[in-house]
Amino acid sequence: MWPDLLRALALVLVIEGLMPFLAPERWREMMLRLSDVDGRSLRVFGGVLIGVGVLLLQFIH
């Protein structure tokens, strides 16, 4: 179980690093825009992403 979790976390790091590597200026603009979004909206968006991720994992498995 732990090796799979570490692989998944490593893949997240690779995916998260793609935008700053490929388009740093656009990534910076996106981060600045996100800083203006209220906390509740970010929390809801994060919850939706978690839900979609869990459903996708269930579908794949």
PDB file of N, CA and C in Angstrom:
ATOM      1  N   MET A   1       0.821  -1.189   0.000  1.00  0.00           N
ATOM      2  CA  MET A   1       0.000   0.000   0.000  1.00  0.00           C
ATOM      3  C   MET A   1       0.870   1.259   0.000  1.00  0.00           C
ATOM      4  N   TRP A   2       1.897   1.347   0.840  1.00  0.00           N
ATOM      5  CA  TRP A   2       2.726   2.546   0.923  1.00  0.00           C
ATOM      6  C   TRP A   2       3.454   2.858  -0.376  1.00  0.00           C
ATOM      7  N   PRO A   3       3.995   1.855  -1.069  1.00  0.00           N
ATOM      8  CA  PRO A   3       4.643   2.194  -2.351  1.00  0.00           C
ATOM      9  C   PRO A   3       3.660   2.799  -3.356  1.00  0.00           C
ATOM     10  N   ASP A   4       2.422   2.304  -3.376  1.00  0.00           N
ATOM     11  CA  ASP A   4       1.416   2.862  -4.281  1.00  0.00           C
ATOM     12  C   ASP A   4       1.088   4.301  -3.914  1.00  0.00           C
ATOM     13  N   LEU A   5       0.986   4.573  -2.620  1.00  0.00           N
ATOM     14  CA  LEU A   5       0.696   5.931  -2.173  1.00  0.00           C
ATOM     15  C   LEU A   5       1.836   6.871  -2.544  1.00  0.00           C
ATOM     16  N   LEU A   6       3.056   6.429  -2.366  1.00  0.00           N
ATOM     17  CA  LEU A   6       4.205   7.257  -2.731  1.00  0.00           C
ATOM     18  C   LEU A   6       4.280   7.495  -4.235  1.00  0.00           C
ATOM     19  N   ARG A   7       3.942   6.473  -5.020  1.00  0.00           N
ATOM     20  CA  ARG A   7       3.904   6.661  -6.482  1.00  0.00           C
ATOM     21  C   ARG A   7       2.836   7.686  -6.870  1.00  0.00           C
ATOM     22  N   ALA A   8       1.682   7.591  -6.222  1.00  0.00           N
ATOM     23  CA  ALA A   8       0.601   8.531  -6.517  1.00  0.00           C
ATOM     24  C   ALA A   8       1.013   9.952  -6.158  1.00  0.00           C
ATOM     25  N   LEU A   9       1.647  10.132  -5.010  1.00  0.00           N
ATOM     26  CA  LEU A   9       2.103  11.461  -4.616  1.00  0.00           C
ATOM     27  C   LEU A   9       3.181  11.991  -5.559  1.00  0.00           C
ATOM     28  N   ALA A  10       4.068  11.121  -5.997  1.00  0.00           N
ATOM     29  CA  ALA A  10       5.096  11.527  -6.953  1.00  0.00           C
ATOM     30  C   ALA A  10       4.451  11.965  -8.272  1.00  0.00           C
ATOM     31  N   LEU A  11       3.426  11.256  -8.718  1.00  0.00           N
ATOM     32  CA  LEU A  11       2.727  11.623  -9.944  1.00  0.00           C
ATOM     33  C   LEU A  11       2.029  12.971  -9.790  1.00  0.00           C
ATOM     34  N   VAL A  12       1.462  13.230  -8.627  1.00  0.00           N
ATOM     35  CA  VAL A  12       0.846  14.532  -8.367  1.00  0.00           C
ATOM     36  C   VAL A  12       1.887  15.638  -8.492  1.00  0.00           C
ATOM     37  N   LEU A  13       3.074  15.416  -7.930  1.00  0.00           N
ATOM     38  CA  LEU A  13       4.135  16.424  -8.031  1.00  0.00           C
ATOM     39  C   LEU A  13       4.540  16.674  -9.481  1.00  0.00           C
ATOM     40  N   VAL A  14       4.620  15.621 -10.262  1.00  0.00           N
ATOM     41  CA  VAL A  14       4.966  15.776 -11.681  1.00  0.00           C
ATOM     42  C   VAL A  14       3.889  16.586 -12.393  1.00  0.00           C
ATOM     43  N   ILE A  15       2.637  16.238 -12.168  1.00  0.00           N
ATOM     44  CA  ILE A  15       1.535  16.937 -12.838  1.00  0.00           C
ATOM     45  C   ILE A  15       1.465  18.389 -12.385  1.00  0.00           C
ATOM     46  N   GLU A  16       1.625  18.628 -11.079  1.00  0.00           N
ATOM     47  CA  GLU A  16       1.585  20.000 -10.559  1.00  0.00           C
ATOM     48  C   GLU A  16       2.736  20.841 -11.098  1.00  0.00           C
ATOM     49  N   GLY A  17       3.842  20.230 -11.407  1.00  0.00           N
ATOM     50  CA  GLY A  17       4.996  20.970 -11.898  1.00  0.00           C
ATOM     51  C   GLY A  17       4.955  21.282 -13.377  1.00  0.00           C
ATOM     52  N   LEU A  18       4.029  20.686 -14.108  1.00  0.00           N
ATOM     53  CA  LEU A  18       3.978  20.899 -15.559  1.00  0.00           C
ATOM     54  C   LEU A  18       3.694  22.350 -15.935  1.00  0.00           C
ATOM     55  N   MET A  19       2.678  22.954 -15.345  1.00  0.00           N
ATOM     56  CA  MET A  19       2.309  24.319 -15.719  1.00  0.00           C
ATOM     57  C   MET A  19       3.396  25.337 -15.404  1.00  0.00           C
ATOM     58  N   PRO A  20       3.959  25.342 -14.187  1.00  0.00           N
ATOM     59  CA  PRO A  20       5.029  26.319 -13.947  1.00  0.00           C
ATOM     60  C   PRO A  20       6.239  26.096 -14.852  1.00  0.00           C
ATOM     61  N   PHE A  21       6.471  24.862 -15.260  1.00  0.00           N
ATOM     62  CA  PHE A  21       7.606  24.569 -16.135  1.00  0.00           C
ATOM     63  C   PHE A  21       7.322  25.002 -17.573  1.00  0.00           C
ATOM     64  N   LEU A  22       6.125  24.684 -18.079  1.00  0.00           N
ATOM     65  CA  LEU A  22       5.807  24.943 -19.487  1.00  0.00           C
ATOM     66  C   LEU A  22       5.360  26.374 -19.760  1.00  0.00           C
ATOM     67  N   ALA A  23       4.608  26.965 -18.822  1.00  0.00           N
ATOM     68  CA  ALA A  23       4.075  28.317 -19.042  1.00  0.00           C
ATOM     69  C   ALA A  23       4.117  29.098 -17.728  1.00  0.00           C
ATOM     70  N   PRO A  24       5.308  29.505 -17.306  1.00  0.00           N
ATOM     71  CA  PRO A  24       5.422  30.151 -15.988  1.00  0.00           C
ATOM     72  C   PRO A  24       4.637  31.455 -15.848  1.00  0.00           C
ATOM     73  N   GLU A  25       4.582  32.255 -16.905  1.00  0.00           N
ATOM     74  CA  GLU A  25       3.845  33.521 -16.806  1.00  0.00           C
ATOM     75  C   GLU A  25       2.345  33.297 -16.679  1.00  0.00           C
ATOM     76  N   ARG A  26       1.802  32.383 -17.452  1.00  0.00           N
ATOM     77  CA  ARG A  26       0.365  32.078 -17.347  1.00  0.00           C
ATOM     78  C   ARG A  26       0.040  31.476 -15.991  1.00  0.00           C
ATOM     79  N   TRP A  27       0.935  30.640 -15.491  1.00  0.00           N
ATOM     80  CA  TRP A  27       0.730  30.021 -14.183  1.00  0.00           C
ATOM     81  C   TRP A  27       0.712  31.101 -13.101  1.00  0.00           C
ATOM     82  N   ARG A  28       1.627  32.051 -13.186  1.00  0.00           N
ATOM     83  CA  ARG A  28       1.674  33.146 -12.211  1.00  0.00           C
ATOM     84  C   ARG A  28       0.392  33.964 -12.251  1.00  0.00           C
ATOM     85  N   GLU A  29      -0.094  34.279 -13.460  1.00  0.00           N
ATOM     86  CA  GLU A  29      -1.352  35.026 -13.591  1.00  0.00           C
ATOM     87  C   GLU A  29      -2.512  34.261 -12.972  1.00  0.00           C
ATOM     88  N   MET A  30      -2.546  32.951 -13.203  1.00  0.00           N
ATOM     89  CA  MET A  30      -3.616  32.128 -12.640  1.00  0.00           C
ATOM     90  C   MET A  30      -3.555  32.133 -11.110  1.00  0.00           C
ATOM     91  N   MET A  31      -2.356  32.043 -10.553  1.00  0.00           N
ATOM     92  CA  MET A  31      -2.204  32.065  -9.097  1.00  0.00           C
ATOM     93  C   MET A  31      -2.642  33.417  -8.517  1.00  0.00           C
ATOM     94  N   LEU A  32      -2.331  34.504  -9.219  1.00  0.00           N
ATOM     95  CA  LEU A  32      -2.765  35.820  -8.761  1.00  0.00           C
ATOM     96  C   LEU A  32      -4.288  35.933  -8.786  1.00  0.00           C
ATOM     97  N   ARG A  33      -4.911  35.405  -9.814  1.00  0.00           N
ATOM     98  CA  ARG A  33      -6.380  35.429  -9.879  1.00  0.00           C
ATOM     99  C   ARG A  33      -6.988  34.582  -8.779  1.00  0.00           C
ATOM    100  N   LEU A  34      -6.385  33.437  -8.503  1.00  0.00           N
ATOM    101  CA  LEU A  34      -6.897  32.570  -7.441  1.00  0.00           C
ATOM    102  C   LEU A  34      -6.788  33.224  -6.070  1.00  0.00           C
ATOM    103  N   SER A  35      -5.814  34.103  -5.893  1.00  0.00           N
ATOM    104  CA  SER A  35      -5.672  34.773  -4.602  1.00  0.00           C
ATOM    105  C   SER A  35      -6.832  35.730  -4.336  1.00  0.00           C
ATOM    106  N   ASP A  36      -7.557  36.116  -5.371  1.00  0.00           N
ATOM    107  CA  ASP A  36      -8.718  36.992  -5.214  1.00  0.00           C
ATOM    108  C   ASP A  36     -10.007  36.233  -4.928  1.00  0.00           C
ATOM    109  N   VAL A  37     -10.006  34.926  -5.104  1.00  0.00           N
ATOM    110  CA  VAL A  37     -11.216  34.122  -4.885  1.00  0.00           C
ATOM    111  C   VAL A  37     -11.400  33.895  -3.386  1.00  0.00           C
ATOM    112  N   ASP A  38     -12.649  33.993  -2.929  1.00  0.00           N
ATOM    113  CA  ASP A  38     -12.896  33.826  -1.496  1.00  0.00           C
ATOM    114  C   ASP A  38     -12.678  32.368  -1.069  1.00  0.00           C
ATOM    115  N   GLY A  39     -12.410  32.189   0.214  1.00  0.00           N
ATOM    116  CA  GLY A  39     -12.078  30.874   0.759  1.00  0.00           C
ATOM    117  C   GLY A  39     -13.167  29.842   0.583  1.00  0.00           C
ATOM    118  N   ARG A  40     -14.423  30.258   0.705  1.00  0.00           N
ATOM    119  CA  ARG A  40     -15.530  29.304   0.570  1.00  0.00           C
ATOM    120  C   ARG A  40     -15.570  28.708  -0.830  1.00  0.00           C
ATOM    121  N   SER A  41     -15.388  29.536  -1.838  1.00  0.00           N
ATOM    122  CA  SER A  41     -15.402  29.046  -3.217  1.00  0.00           C
ATOM    123  C   SER A  41     -14.240  28.083  -3.473  1.00  0.00           C
ATOM    124  N   LEU A  42     -13.066  28.419  -2.941  1.00  0.00           N
ATOM    125  CA  LEU A  42     -11.927  27.518  -3.098  1.00  0.00           C
ATOM    126  C   LEU A  42     -12.178  26.182  -2.403  1.00  0.00           C
ATOM    127  N   ARG A  43     -12.802  26.235  -1.220  1.00  0.00           N
ATOM    128  CA  ARG A  43     -13.108  25.008  -0.487  1.00  0.00           C
ATOM    129  C   ARG A  43     -14.097  24.139  -1.266  1.00  0.00           C
ATOM    130  N   VAL A  44     -15.116  24.756  -1.833  1.00  0.00           N
ATOM    131  CA  VAL A  44     -16.093  24.005  -2.629  1.00  0.00           C
ATOM    132  C   VAL A  44     -15.420  23.402  -3.853  1.00  0.00           C
ATOM    133  N   PHE A  45     -14.581  24.180  -4.531  1.00  0.00           N
ATOM    134  CA  PHE A  45     -13.867  23.682  -5.703  1.00  0.00           C
ATOM    135  C   PHE A  45     -12.966  22.513  -5.321  1.00  0.00           C
ATOM    136  N   GLY A  46     -12.250  22.640  -4.211  1.00  0.00           N
ATOM    137  CA  GLY A  46     -11.404  21.549  -3.736  1.00  0.00           C
ATOM    138  C   GLY A  46     -12.210  20.300  -3.411  1.00  0.00           C
ATOM    139  N   GLY A  47     -13.367  20.482  -2.793  1.00  0.00           N
ATOM    140  CA  GLY A  47     -14.230  19.340  -2.486  1.00  0.00           C
ATOM    141  C   GLY A  47     -14.727  18.639  -3.738  1.00  0.00           C
ATOM    142  N   VAL A  48     -15.079  19.432  -4.743  1.00  0.00           N
ATOM    143  CA  VAL A  48     -15.520  18.847  -6.015  1.00  0.00           C
ATOM    144  C   VAL A  48     -14.373  18.055  -6.649  1.00  0.00           C
ATOM    145  N   LEU A  49     -13.171  18.612  -6.629  1.00  0.00           N
ATOM    146  CA  LEU A  49     -12.023  17.900  -7.195  1.00  0.00           C
ATOM    147  C   LEU A  49     -11.757  16.598  -6.445  1.00  0.00           C
ATOM    148  N   ILE A  50     -11.860  16.630  -5.129  1.00  0.00           N
ATOM    149  CA  ILE A  50     -11.674  15.407  -4.346  1.00  0.00           C
ATOM    150  C   ILE A  50     -12.723  14.374  -4.731  1.00  0.00           C
ATOM    151  N   GLY A  51     -13.972  14.803  -4.826  1.00  0.00           N
ATOM    152  CA  GLY A  51     -15.045  13.883  -5.197  1.00  0.00           C
ATOM    153  C   GLY A  51     -14.846  13.266  -6.569  1.00  0.00           C
ATOM    154  N   VAL A  52     -14.478  14.087  -7.536  1.00  0.00           N
ATOM    155  CA  VAL A  52     -14.222  13.586  -8.886  1.00  0.00           C
ATOM    156  C   VAL A  52     -13.049  12.614  -8.876  1.00  0.00           C
ATOM    157  N   GLY A  53     -12.007  12.948  -8.117  1.00  0.00           N
ATOM    158  CA  GLY A  53     -10.853  12.060  -8.028  1.00  0.00           C
ATOM    159  C   GLY A  53     -11.205  10.715  -7.420  1.00  0.00           C
ATOM    160  N   VAL A  54     -11.994  10.721  -6.356  1.00  0.00           N
ATOM    161  CA  VAL A  54     -12.408   9.468  -5.726  1.00  0.00           C
ATOM    162  C   VAL A  54     -13.260   8.645  -6.681  1.00  0.00           C
ATOM    163  N   LEU A  55     -14.191   9.285  -7.360  1.00  0.00           N
ATOM    164  CA  LEU A  55     -15.025   8.558  -8.330  1.00  0.00           C
ATOM    165  C   LEU A  55     -14.189   7.984  -9.464  1.00  0.00           C
ATOM    166  N   LEU A  56     -13.225   8.760  -9.945  1.00  0.00           N
ATOM    167  CA  LEU A  56     -12.363   8.276 -11.009  1.00  0.00           C
ATOM    168  C   LEU A  56     -11.525   7.071 -10.548  1.00  0.00           C
ATOM    169  N   LEU A  57     -11.015   7.140  -9.321  1.00  0.00           N
ATOM    170  CA  LEU A  57     -10.259   6.002  -8.779  1.00  0.00           C
ATOM    171  C   LEU A  57     -11.128   4.757  -8.668  1.00  0.00           C
ATOM    172  N   GLN A  58     -12.372   4.947  -8.233  1.00  0.00           N
ATOM    173  CA  GLN A  58     -13.289   3.814  -8.136  1.00  0.00           C
ATOM    174  C   GLN A  58     -13.602   3.232  -9.511  1.00  0.00           C
ATOM    175  N   PHE A  59     -13.776   4.116 -10.481  1.00  0.00           N
ATOM    176  CA  PHE A  59     -14.074   3.664 -11.843  1.00  0.00           C
ATOM    177  C   PHE A  59     -12.906   2.884 -12.431  1.00  0.00           C
ATOM    178  N   ILE A  60     -11.684   3.373 -12.189  1.00  0.00           N
ATOM    179  CA  ILE A  60     -10.494   2.714 -12.721  1.00  0.00           C
ATOM    180  C   ILE A  60     -10.267   1.375 -12.050  1.00  0.00           C
ATOM    181  N   HIS A  61     -10.506   1.339 -10.739  1.00  0.00           N
ATOM    182  CA  HIS A  61     -10.244   0.125  -9.971  1.00  0.00           C
ATOM    183  C   HIS A  61     -11.333  -0.886 -10.264  1.00  0.00           C
TER     184      HIS A  61
END
